[in-house]
Amino acid sequence: MSKKHLVPRSITRAYYRNSVGGLLLFDITNRRSFQNVHEWLEETKVHVQPYQIVFVLVGHKCDLDTQRQVTRHEAEKLAAAYGMKYIETSARDAINVEKAFTDLTRDIYELVKRGEISIQEGWEGVKSGFVPNVVHSSEEVVKSDRRCLC
């Protein structure tokens, strides 16, 4: 393997180390990005073992629904197969972006409460400390009427 291939792998390992959760994004207007989801999941498994990462599958660019190449049903089916939630977002129109992060945080918090994710020596994925009872997003506070129709 050339040095060219070694550098990205070392960056990848450092990126995943001590991760507890992540947003796994694909572009709903780009089928190839959707087809790569399985490969990305396998890559993370290799780099985080023996730990696991909680993912939320995110189909972004839902504001470009007329250019959609991946149906919502396909994405929901894939997410269900991997035990993930699915959400569609639009950064351009600020639709569900913060909700994706909030949902991921709530999922991790629920797993910690149930003891399925625990604080372990030598792993900095979850640290003990203050945990708020309620997570409020700025989207909830603003109560925006803008909704994604996808």
C-alpha atoms as a PDB file:
ATOM      1  CA  MET A   1       0.000   0.000   0.000  1.00  0.00           C
ATOM      2  CA  SER A   2       1.394   3.413  -0.925  1.00  0.00           C
ATOM      3  CA  LYS A   3       1.761   6.341   1.456  1.00  0.00           C
ATOM      4  CA  LYS A   4      -1.093   7.945  -0.407  1.00  0.00           C
ATOM      5  CA  HIS A   5      -3.427   5.253   0.978  1.00  0.00           C
ATOM      6  CA  LEU A   6      -1.945   5.257   4.492  1.00  0.00           C
ATOM      7  CA  VAL A   7      -2.658   8.882   5.267  1.00  0.00           C
ATOM      8  CA  PRO A   8      -6.452   8.730   4.784  1.00  0.00           C
ATOM      9  CA  ARG A   9      -6.713   5.568   6.903  1.00  0.00           C
ATOM     10  CA  SER A  10      -4.807   7.147   9.802  1.00  0.00           C
ATOM     11  CA  ILE A  11      -7.042  10.206   9.591  1.00  0.00           C
ATOM     12  CA  THR A  12     -10.086   7.928   9.474  1.00  0.00           C
ATOM     13  CA  ARG A  13      -9.005   6.047  12.609  1.00  0.00           C
ATOM     14  CA  ALA A  14      -8.420   9.304  14.490  1.00  0.00           C
ATOM     15  CA  TYR A  15     -11.761  10.659  13.314  1.00  0.00           C
ATOM     16  CA  TYR A  16     -13.750   7.655  14.563  1.00  0.00           C
ATOM     17  CA  ARG A  17     -11.832   7.080  17.805  1.00  0.00           C
ATOM     18  CA  ASN A  18     -14.028   7.715  20.846  1.00  0.00           C
ATOM     19  CA  SER A  19     -17.082   8.474  18.707  1.00  0.00           C
ATOM     20  CA  VAL A  20     -20.459   7.532  20.099  1.00  0.00           C
ATOM     21  CA  GLY A  21     -22.753   8.839  17.421  1.00  0.00           C
ATOM     22  CA  GLY A  22     -22.788  10.192  13.938  1.00  0.00           C
ATOM     23  CA  LEU A  23     -24.942  11.457  11.131  1.00  0.00           C
ATOM     24  CA  LEU A  24     -24.555   9.270   8.068  1.00  0.00           C
ATOM     25  CA  LEU A  25     -25.415  11.540   5.142  1.00  0.00           C
ATOM     26  CA  PHE A  26     -26.246  10.870   1.546  1.00  0.00           C
ATOM     27  CA  ASP A  27     -27.549  13.178  -1.150  1.00  0.00           C
ATOM     28  CA  ILE A  28     -31.116  12.294  -2.224  1.00  0.00           C
ATOM     29  CA  THR A  29     -30.269  13.650  -5.695  1.00  0.00           C
ATOM     30  CA  ASN A  30     -27.257  11.343  -6.051  1.00  0.00           C
ATOM     31  CA  ARG A  31     -27.909   7.587  -6.112  1.00  0.00           C
ATOM     32  CA  ARG A  32     -24.203   6.778  -5.877  1.00  0.00           C
ATOM     33  CA  SER A  33     -23.948   8.491  -2.478  1.00  0.00           C
ATOM     34  CA  PHE A  34     -26.865   6.338  -1.264  1.00  0.00           C
ATOM     35  CA  GLN A  35     -25.196   3.195  -2.583  1.00  0.00           C
ATOM     36  CA  ASN A  36     -22.083   4.015  -0.536  1.00  0.00           C
ATOM     37  CA  VAL A  37     -23.929   3.946   2.803  1.00  0.00           C
ATOM     38  CA  HIS A  38     -23.216   0.230   3.363  1.00  0.00           C
ATOM     39  CA  GLU A  39     -19.498   0.729   2.684  1.00  0.00           C
ATOM     40  CA  TRP A  40     -19.325   3.701   5.067  1.00  0.00           C
ATOM     41  CA  LEU A  41     -20.996   1.682   7.823  1.00  0.00           C
ATOM     42  CA  GLU A  42     -18.572  -1.203   7.349  1.00  0.00           C
ATOM     43  CA  GLU A  43     -15.641   1.212   7.482  1.00  0.00           C
ATOM     44  CA  THR A  44     -16.804   2.650  10.795  1.00  0.00           C
ATOM     45  CA  LYS A  45     -17.220  -0.814  12.315  1.00  0.00           C
ATOM     46  CA  VAL A  46     -13.588  -1.607  11.531  1.00  0.00           C
ATOM     47  CA  HIS A  47     -12.309   1.583  13.157  1.00  0.00           C
ATOM     48  CA  VAL A  48     -14.428   1.707  16.326  1.00  0.00           C
ATOM     49  CA  GLN A  49     -14.323  -1.897  17.498  1.00  0.00           C
ATOM     50  CA  PRO A  50     -14.956  -3.025  20.188  1.00  0.00           C
ATOM     51  CA  TYR A  51     -17.338  -0.066  20.551  1.00  0.00           C
ATOM     52  CA  GLN A  52     -20.361   0.807  18.439  1.00  0.00           C
ATOM     53  CA  ILE A  53     -21.527   4.083  16.970  1.00  0.00           C
ATOM     54  CA  VAL A  54     -25.169   5.170  16.969  1.00  0.00           C
ATOM     55  CA  PHE A  55     -26.116   6.572  13.579  1.00  0.00           C
ATOM     56  CA  VAL A  56     -28.994   8.527  12.141  1.00  0.00           C
ATOM     57  CA  LEU A  57     -29.289   8.162   8.372  1.00  0.00           C
ATOM     58  CA  VAL A  58     -29.753  11.578   6.786  1.00  0.00           C
ATOM     59  CA  GLY A  59     -30.969  12.200   3.262  1.00  0.00           C
ATOM     60  CA  HIS A  60     -29.938  15.756   2.569  1.00  0.00           C
ATOM     61  CA  LYS A  61     -31.064  18.241  -0.085  1.00  0.00           C
ATOM     62  CA  CYS A  62     -34.768  17.509   0.411  1.00  0.00           C
ATOM     63  CA  ASP A  63     -35.403  20.962  -1.026  1.00  0.00           C
ATOM     64  CA  LEU A  64     -34.439  19.460  -4.403  1.00  0.00           C
ATOM     65  CA  ASP A  65     -37.267  16.927  -4.425  1.00  0.00           C
ATOM     66  CA  THR A  66     -37.808  17.270  -8.185  1.00  0.00           C
ATOM     67  CA  GLN A  67     -34.238  15.986  -8.719  1.00  0.00           C
ATOM     68  CA  ARG A  68     -34.642  13.081  -6.294  1.00  0.00           C
ATOM     69  CA  GLN A  69     -32.897   9.831  -7.270  1.00  0.00           C
ATOM     70  CA  VAL A  70     -33.491   8.001  -3.975  1.00  0.00           C
ATOM     71  CA  THR A  71     -37.034   7.561  -2.698  1.00  0.00           C
ATOM     72  CA  ARG A  72     -37.931   8.134   0.919  1.00  0.00           C
ATOM     73  CA  HIS A  73     -39.174   4.531   1.067  1.00  0.00           C
ATOM     74  CA  GLU A  74     -35.774   3.179  -0.086  1.00  0.00           C
ATOM     75  CA  ALA A  75     -33.948   5.231   2.509  1.00  0.00           C
ATOM     76  CA  GLU A  76     -36.348   4.287   5.319  1.00  0.00           C
ATOM     77  CA  LYS A  77     -35.975   0.618   4.380  1.00  0.00           C
ATOM     78  CA  LEU A  78     -32.173   0.848   4.478  1.00  0.00           C
ATOM     79  CA  ALA A  79     -32.224   2.702   7.805  1.00  0.00           C
ATOM     80  CA  ALA A  80     -34.549   0.083   9.295  1.00  0.00           C
ATOM     81  CA  ALA A  81     -32.279  -2.724   8.076  1.00  0.00           C
ATOM     82  CA  TYR A  82     -29.423  -1.168  10.060  1.00  0.00           C
ATOM     83  CA  GLY A  83     -31.545  -0.204  13.062  1.00  0.00           C
ATOM     84  CA  MET A  84     -31.235   3.526  12.453  1.00  0.00           C
ATOM     85  CA  LYS A  85     -33.664   6.395  12.308  1.00  0.00           C
ATOM     86  CA  TYR A  86     -34.060   8.231   9.009  1.00  0.00           C
ATOM     87  CA  ILE A  87     -34.568  11.948   8.486  1.00  0.00           C
ATOM     88  CA  GLU A  88     -34.492  14.224   5.456  1.00  0.00           C
ATOM     89  CA  THR A  89     -32.879  17.641   5.683  1.00  0.00           C
ATOM     90  CA  SER A  90     -32.184  20.785   3.735  1.00  0.00           C
ATOM     91  CA  ALA A  91     -29.317  22.988   4.824  1.00  0.00           C
ATOM     92  CA  ARG A  92     -30.378  25.610   2.283  1.00  0.00           C
ATOM     93  CA  ASP A  93     -33.871  25.918   3.755  1.00  0.00           C
ATOM     94  CA  ALA A  94     -32.864  25.017   7.349  1.00  0.00           C
ATOM     95  CA  ILE A  95     -35.218  22.037   7.422  1.00  0.00           C
ATOM     96  CA  ASN A  96     -34.576  19.341  10.046  1.00  0.00           C
ATOM     97  CA  VAL A  97     -30.839  20.068  10.323  1.00  0.00           C
ATOM     98  CA  GLU A  98     -30.887  20.751  14.031  1.00  0.00           C
ATOM     99  CA  LYS A  99     -33.492  18.002  14.497  1.00  0.00           C
ATOM    100  CA  ALA A 100     -31.031  15.464  13.070  1.00  0.00           C
ATOM    101  CA  PHE A 101     -28.484  16.387  15.748  1.00  0.00           C
ATOM    102  CA  THR A 102     -31.112  16.514  18.474  1.00  0.00           C
ATOM    103  CA  ASP A 103     -32.504  13.099  17.509  1.00  0.00           C
ATOM    104  CA  LEU A 104     -29.027  11.592  17.525  1.00  0.00           C
ATOM    105  CA  THR A 105     -28.306  13.092  20.940  1.00  0.00           C
ATOM    106  CA  ARG A 106     -31.596  11.788  22.335  1.00  0.00           C
ATOM    107  CA  ASP A 107     -30.897   8.301  20.947  1.00  0.00           C
ATOM    108  CA  ILE A 108     -27.488   8.227  22.620  1.00  0.00           C
ATOM    109  CA  TYR A 109     -28.919   9.554  25.874  1.00  0.00           C
ATOM    110  CA  GLU A 110     -31.648   6.882  25.904  1.00  0.00           C
ATOM    111  CA  LEU A 111     -29.054   4.147  25.332  1.00  0.00           C
ATOM    112  CA  VAL A 112     -26.971   5.512  28.208  1.00  0.00           C
ATOM    113  CA  LYS A 113     -30.039   5.578  30.476  1.00  0.00           C
ATOM    114  CA  ARG A 114     -30.839   1.954  29.588  1.00  0.00           C
ATOM    115  CA  GLY A 115     -27.223   0.919  30.183  1.00  0.00           C
ATOM    116  CA  GLU A 116     -26.626  -0.120  26.567  1.00  0.00           C
ATOM    117  CA  ILE A 117     -23.877   2.500  26.322  1.00  0.00           C
ATOM    118  CA  SER A 118     -21.735   2.856  29.396  1.00  0.00           C
ATOM    119  CA  ILE A 119     -18.864   4.997  30.538  1.00  0.00           C
ATOM    120  CA  GLN A 120     -15.771   2.811  30.257  1.00  0.00           C
ATOM    121  CA  GLU A 121     -12.178   3.235  31.329  1.00  0.00           C
ATOM    122  CA  GLY A 122      -9.914   4.254  28.440  1.00  0.00           C
ATOM    123  CA  TRP A 123     -12.791   5.358  26.209  1.00  0.00           C
ATOM    124  CA  GLU A 124     -13.822   8.956  25.975  1.00  0.00           C
ATOM    125  CA  GLY A 125     -16.971   8.377  23.933  1.00  0.00           C
ATOM    126  CA  VAL A 126     -19.366   9.244  26.755  1.00  0.00           C
ATOM    127  CA  LYS A 127     -18.220  11.231  29.741  1.00  0.00           C
ATOM    128  CA  SER A 128     -20.023  11.574  33.025  1.00  0.00           C
ATOM    129  CA  GLY A 129     -21.322  14.981  33.962  1.00  0.00           C
ATOM    130  CA  PHE A 130     -24.404  17.148  33.719  1.00  0.00           C
ATOM    131  CA  VAL A 131     -27.125  15.729  31.502  1.00  0.00           C
ATOM    132  CA  PRO A 132     -30.143  17.991  30.989  1.00  0.00           C
ATOM    133  CA  ASN A 133     -33.613  16.522  31.497  1.00  0.00           C
ATOM    134  CA  VAL A 134     -34.976  18.095  28.334  1.00  0.00           C
ATOM    135  CA  VAL A 135     -33.238  18.880  25.075  1.00  0.00           C
ATOM    136  CA  HIS A 136     -34.623  21.985  23.385  1.00  0.00           C
ATOM    137  CA  SER A 137     -33.749  22.810  19.822  1.00  0.00           C
ATOM    138  CA  SER A 138     -33.822  26.281  18.374  1.00  0.00           C
ATOM    139  CA  GLU A 139     -36.226  24.910  15.753  1.00  0.00           C
ATOM    140  CA  GLU A 140     -38.709  24.075  18.533  1.00  0.00           C
ATOM    141  CA  VAL A 141     -38.250  27.475  20.150  1.00  0.00           C
ATOM    142  CA  VAL A 142     -38.749  29.386  16.901  1.00  0.00           C
ATOM    143  CA  LYS A 143     -41.727  27.179  15.913  1.00  0.00           C
ATOM    144  CA  SER A 144     -41.008  27.743  12.232  1.00  0.00           C
ATOM    145  CA  ASP A 145     -43.806  26.929   9.823  1.00  0.00           C
ATOM    146  CA  ARG A 146     -41.301  25.800   7.169  1.00  0.00           C
ATOM    147  CA  ARG A 147     -41.608  22.059   6.733  1.00  0.00           C
ATOM    148  CA  CYS A 148     -40.018  19.673   4.291  1.00  0.00           C
ATOM    149  CA  LEU A 149     -42.652  18.101   2.071  1.00  0.00           C
ATOM    150  CA  CYS A 150     -40.422  15.167   1.183  1.00  0.00           C
END
